[in-house]
Amino acid sequence: MTQSTLHVAVIMDGNGRWATRLGLPRLAGHKAGAETLRGIVEAAPDMGVGTLTAYAFSSDNWKRPREEVDGLMTLLAAYLDSETPHLLAQGVRLTVIGRRDRLPEVLLSAIRNSESGTLHGSRLHLRLAIDYSAREAIARASRSPEYFEELLSSQPVDLMIRTGGEQRLSDFLLWESAYAELVFTRRMWPEYRPADLRQAIREFHRRDRRFGAIPALMPPPVLHERWLR
């Protein structure tokens, strides 16, 4: 295993519940969650993470109240606009996965600008899943050779983290997570810190990943000490 090879996926759950618990509007929780993501993005490369996929808005989230959905669309656009220079300075490439035909133009414009502006980032690949459904992606791949090849070539998830106490994948990267190690935490996403990510990565490296093989016949993993500090 070489430096910066892990693909970590994060289901950023608990924003609304965190805000409600503090007597704040749910959208305040999503704003706090955006700040949390910034800290995780900054810290992740030094922990051996090469790709970070974050579940920002699922296709099922359209079922939420219109006011919250509109606020989330505005917040996502503002996040991309404000974070793009920071991502560029950090050497982070940003791409967005999921449907785009239902997104408002202000968000689509922010996505295009951020993707083109950070195209050459090589320190970390940050992927935001917006209007994303894994089942829909698999169904689309079954109907299109182009999407089928894209799905087959997608990078497998090594470590899947879900905050907020729930223990399910919620239609997130189902194909890519076939052999992912799963870590669930009761900590709400606005409370999640780089130290929590480091602990999850330590747990990942302690697990015996056999992929159906016999452990005695598998080469031992090469770990970098600084990843575990």
Protein backbone atom coordinates (compact mmCIF):
# COMPACT_ATOMS: atom_id res chain seq x y z
CA MET A 1 0.00 0.00 0.00
CA THR A 2 1.46 3.34 -1.01
CA GLN A 3 0.83 6.82 0.25
CA SER A 4 -2.66 8.30 -0.23
CA THR A 5 -4.46 5.26 -1.63
CA LEU A 6 -7.47 4.85 0.65
CA HIS A 7 -10.95 5.57 -0.64
CA VAL A 8 -13.04 6.73 2.31
CA ALA A 9 -16.77 7.34 1.93
CA VAL A 10 -18.73 9.34 4.49
CA ILE A 11 -22.47 9.49 5.07
CA MET A 12 -22.70 12.88 6.77
CA ASP A 13 -25.74 12.15 8.92
CA GLY A 14 -27.16 14.01 11.91
CA ASN A 15 -26.96 17.66 10.83
CA GLY A 16 -30.65 18.39 11.33
CA ARG A 17 -30.94 16.42 14.56
CA TRP A 18 -27.86 18.18 15.95
CA ALA A 19 -29.42 21.57 15.26
CA THR A 20 -32.82 20.59 16.65
CA ARG A 21 -31.19 19.33 19.83
CA LEU A 22 -29.63 22.78 20.28
CA GLY A 23 -32.87 24.61 19.51
CA LEU A 24 -31.58 25.82 16.13
CA PRO A 25 -33.13 25.66 12.66
CA ARG A 26 -32.21 22.47 10.77
CA LEU A 27 -30.39 24.51 8.15
CA ALA A 28 -28.00 25.72 10.85
CA GLY A 29 -26.99 22.10 11.30
CA HIS A 30 -26.23 21.76 7.60
CA LYS A 31 -24.09 24.90 7.74
CA ALA A 32 -22.18 23.46 10.69
CA GLY A 33 -21.81 20.22 8.72
CA ALA A 34 -20.18 22.14 5.86
CA GLU A 35 -17.60 23.47 8.30
CA THR A 36 -16.96 19.95 9.53
CA LEU A 37 -16.36 18.78 5.97
CA ARG A 38 -13.74 21.47 5.48
CA GLY A 39 -11.77 20.19 8.48
CA ILE A 40 -12.00 16.58 7.32
CA VAL A 41 -10.86 17.49 3.80
CA GLU A 42 -7.84 19.33 5.19
CA ALA A 43 -6.82 16.43 7.42
CA ALA A 44 -7.61 13.43 5.24
CA PRO A 45 -4.55 13.37 2.92
CA ASP A 46 -2.14 13.18 5.84
CA MET A 47 -3.98 10.04 6.98
CA GLY A 48 -3.41 8.22 3.72
CA VAL A 49 -6.73 9.11 2.09
CA GLY A 50 -6.53 9.66 -1.66
CA THR A 51 -10.27 9.81 -2.39
CA LEU A 52 -13.01 11.09 -0.10
CA THR A 53 -16.63 10.66 -1.22
CA ALA A 54 -19.17 12.55 0.88
CA TYR A 55 -22.93 12.00 0.71
CA ALA A 56 -24.28 15.54 0.57
CA PHE A 57 -27.81 15.06 -0.82
CA SER A 58 -29.50 11.79 -1.72
CA SER A 59 -32.19 11.36 -4.35
CA ASP A 60 -34.56 10.50 -1.51
CA ASN A 61 -33.85 13.86 0.15
CA TRP A 62 -36.19 15.53 -2.36
CA LYS A 63 -38.95 14.21 -0.09
CA ARG A 64 -37.99 16.69 2.63
CA PRO A 65 -39.91 19.96 3.13
CA ARG A 66 -39.47 22.38 0.23
CA GLU A 67 -38.00 25.06 2.48
CA GLU A 68 -35.24 22.73 3.69
CA VAL A 69 -34.48 21.45 0.18
CA ASP A 70 -34.22 24.98 -1.22
CA GLY A 71 -31.98 25.95 1.66
CA LEU A 72 -29.74 22.95 1.04
CA MET A 73 -29.42 23.78 -2.67
CA THR A 74 -28.42 27.34 -1.81
CA LEU A 75 -26.02 26.14 0.86
CA LEU A 76 -24.34 23.66 -1.48
CA ALA A 77 -23.85 26.34 -4.12
CA ALA A 78 -22.42 28.73 -1.52
CA TYR A 79 -20.14 26.00 -0.20
CA LEU A 80 -18.69 25.33 -3.63
CA ASP A 81 -18.24 29.03 -4.40
CA SER A 82 -16.48 29.76 -1.12
CA GLU A 83 -14.44 26.56 -0.90
CA THR A 84 -13.09 26.35 -4.45
CA PRO A 85 -10.14 28.74 -3.85
CA HIS A 86 -9.37 26.89 -0.63
CA LEU A 87 -9.52 23.51 -2.36
CA LEU A 88 -7.28 24.80 -5.12
CA ALA A 89 -4.71 25.99 -2.59
CA GLN A 90 -4.85 22.62 -0.82
CA GLY A 91 -4.32 20.65 -4.04
CA VAL A 92 -7.79 19.11 -3.83
CA ARG A 93 -9.71 18.09 -6.94
CA LEU A 94 -13.48 18.25 -6.59
CA THR A 95 -16.02 16.36 -8.67
CA VAL A 96 -19.74 15.82 -8.18
CA ILE A 97 -21.52 12.50 -8.74
CA GLY A 98 -25.25 12.04 -9.14
CA ARG A 99 -28.00 13.44 -11.33
CA ARG A 100 -27.78 17.02 -12.53
CA ASP A 101 -31.01 17.43 -14.45
CA ARG A 102 -33.01 18.29 -11.30
CA LEU A 103 -30.51 20.72 -9.75
CA PRO A 104 -31.10 24.49 -9.85
CA GLU A 105 -28.94 26.52 -12.22
CA VAL A 106 -27.16 28.35 -9.40
CA LEU A 107 -25.87 25.02 -8.08
CA LEU A 108 -25.04 23.69 -11.55
CA SER A 109 -22.97 26.79 -12.25
CA ALA A 110 -21.11 26.40 -8.95
CA ILE A 111 -20.42 22.73 -9.74
CA ARG A 112 -19.03 23.53 -13.19
CA ASN A 113 -16.80 26.30 -11.83
CA SER A 114 -15.49 24.19 -8.98
CA GLU A 115 -14.83 21.11 -11.12
CA SER A 116 -12.98 23.08 -13.79
CA GLY A 117 -11.11 25.22 -11.26
CA THR A 118 -9.77 22.27 -9.28
CA LEU A 119 -9.23 19.90 -12.20
CA HIS A 120 -5.49 19.48 -11.61
CA GLY A 121 -5.61 18.90 -7.85
CA SER A 122 -3.65 15.77 -6.99
CA ARG A 123 -3.37 15.72 -3.19
CA LEU A 124 -6.95 14.54 -2.62
CA HIS A 125 -9.94 13.75 -4.80
CA LEU A 126 -13.07 15.05 -3.07
CA ARG A 127 -16.29 13.70 -4.54
CA LEU A 128 -19.61 15.16 -3.45
CA ALA A 129 -22.67 12.99 -4.04
CA ILE A 130 -25.58 15.30 -4.87
CA ASP A 131 -28.99 13.95 -5.97
CA TYR A 132 -27.31 10.56 -5.85
CA SER A 133 -28.83 7.06 -5.75
CA ALA A 134 -26.67 3.95 -6.05
CA ARG A 135 -29.60 1.85 -7.23
CA GLU A 136 -30.34 4.38 -9.94
CA ALA A 137 -26.67 4.43 -10.98
CA ILE A 138 -26.64 0.62 -11.28
CA ALA A 139 -29.91 0.60 -13.23
CA ARG A 140 -28.57 3.27 -15.59
CA ALA A 141 -25.38 1.26 -16.10
CA SER A 142 -27.46 -1.78 -17.08
CA ARG A 143 -29.00 0.24 -19.92
CA SER A 144 -25.88 1.98 -21.21
CA PRO A 145 -22.49 0.50 -22.19
CA GLU A 146 -20.85 3.85 -21.39
CA TYR A 147 -22.24 4.01 -17.86
CA PHE A 148 -21.55 0.29 -17.40
CA GLU A 149 -17.85 0.79 -18.15
CA GLU A 150 -17.80 3.80 -15.84
CA LEU A 151 -19.32 1.80 -13.00
CA LEU A 152 -16.95 -1.13 -13.52
CA SER A 153 -13.93 1.18 -13.44
CA SER A 154 -15.05 3.10 -10.34
CA GLN A 155 -12.66 2.98 -7.40
CA PRO A 156 -13.77 0.55 -4.67
CA VAL A 157 -14.52 2.02 -1.26
CA ASP A 158 -12.09 0.86 1.42
CA LEU A 159 -13.76 2.44 4.43
CA MET A 160 -17.38 3.56 4.80
CA ILE A 161 -18.18 5.83 7.75
CA ARG A 162 -21.67 6.82 8.84
CA THR A 163 -22.28 9.35 11.59
CA GLY A 164 -25.52 10.00 13.47
CA GLY A 165 -26.11 6.57 14.97
CA GLU A 166 -27.87 4.86 12.06
CA GLN A 167 -26.43 1.59 10.76
CA ARG A 168 -27.36 1.33 7.09
CA LEU A 169 -25.92 2.39 3.71
CA SER A 170 -29.01 4.32 2.55
CA ASP A 171 -28.46 3.73 -1.18
CA PHE A 172 -24.88 5.06 -1.14
CA LEU A 173 -22.13 3.55 -3.34
CA LEU A 174 -23.60 0.05 -3.15
CA TRP A 175 -21.49 -1.35 -6.01
CA GLU A 176 -18.26 0.29 -4.87
CA SER A 177 -18.77 -0.77 -1.24
CA ALA A 178 -18.99 -4.52 -1.87
CA TYR A 179 -15.91 -5.11 0.32
CA ALA A 180 -15.83 -1.85 2.26
CA GLU A 181 -15.13 -1.90 5.96
CA LEU A 182 -18.02 -0.25 7.81
CA VAL A 183 -17.67 2.09 10.78
CA PHE A 184 -20.75 3.53 12.46
CA THR A 185 -20.67 6.22 15.13
CA ARG A 186 -23.35 7.90 17.21
CA ARG A 187 -21.52 11.21 16.87
CA MET A 188 -23.50 13.69 14.78
CA TRP A 189 -21.73 14.98 11.68
CA PRO A 190 -21.27 18.57 12.98
CA GLU A 191 -19.46 17.02 15.97
CA TYR A 192 -17.17 14.83 13.85
CA ARG A 193 -13.50 15.79 13.97
CA PRO A 194 -10.26 14.73 12.25
CA ALA A 195 -9.39 12.76 15.38
CA ASP A 196 -12.52 10.67 14.79
CA LEU A 197 -11.44 10.01 11.21
CA ARG A 198 -8.00 8.99 12.40
CA GLN A 199 -9.56 6.56 14.88
CA ALA A 200 -11.73 5.05 12.11
CA ILE A 201 -8.66 4.61 9.89
CA ARG A 202 -6.80 2.93 12.74
CA GLU A 203 -9.73 0.56 13.10
CA PHE A 204 -9.65 -0.08 9.36
CA HIS A 205 -5.98 -1.06 9.46
CA ARG A 206 -6.59 -3.41 12.39
CA ARG A 207 -9.23 -5.41 10.50
CA ASP A 208 -8.48 -8.62 8.64
CA ARG A 209 -9.50 -7.97 5.03
CA ARG A 210 -9.55 -11.36 3.28
CA PHE A 211 -11.71 -10.68 0.19
CA GLY A 212 -12.75 -14.35 0.29
CA ALA A 213 -9.16 -15.65 0.36
CA ILE A 214 -7.26 -17.57 3.02
CA PRO A 215 -5.36 -15.13 5.28
CA ALA A 216 -2.18 -17.24 5.34
CA LEU A 217 -1.87 -16.96 1.56
CA MET A 218 -2.30 -13.19 1.42
CA PRO A 219 0.65 -10.75 1.53
CA PRO A 220 0.70 -8.58 4.65
CA PRO A 221 -0.40 -4.96 4.16
CA VAL A 222 2.24 -2.26 4.11
CA LEU A 223 1.31 0.38 6.66
CA HIS A 224 2.80 3.83 6.98
CA GLU A 225 3.50 4.69 10.59
CA ARG A 226 2.39 8.31 10.18
CA TRP A 227 -1.09 7.13 9.17
CA LEU A 228 -1.51 5.54 12.57
CA ARG A 229 -0.16 8.33 14.73
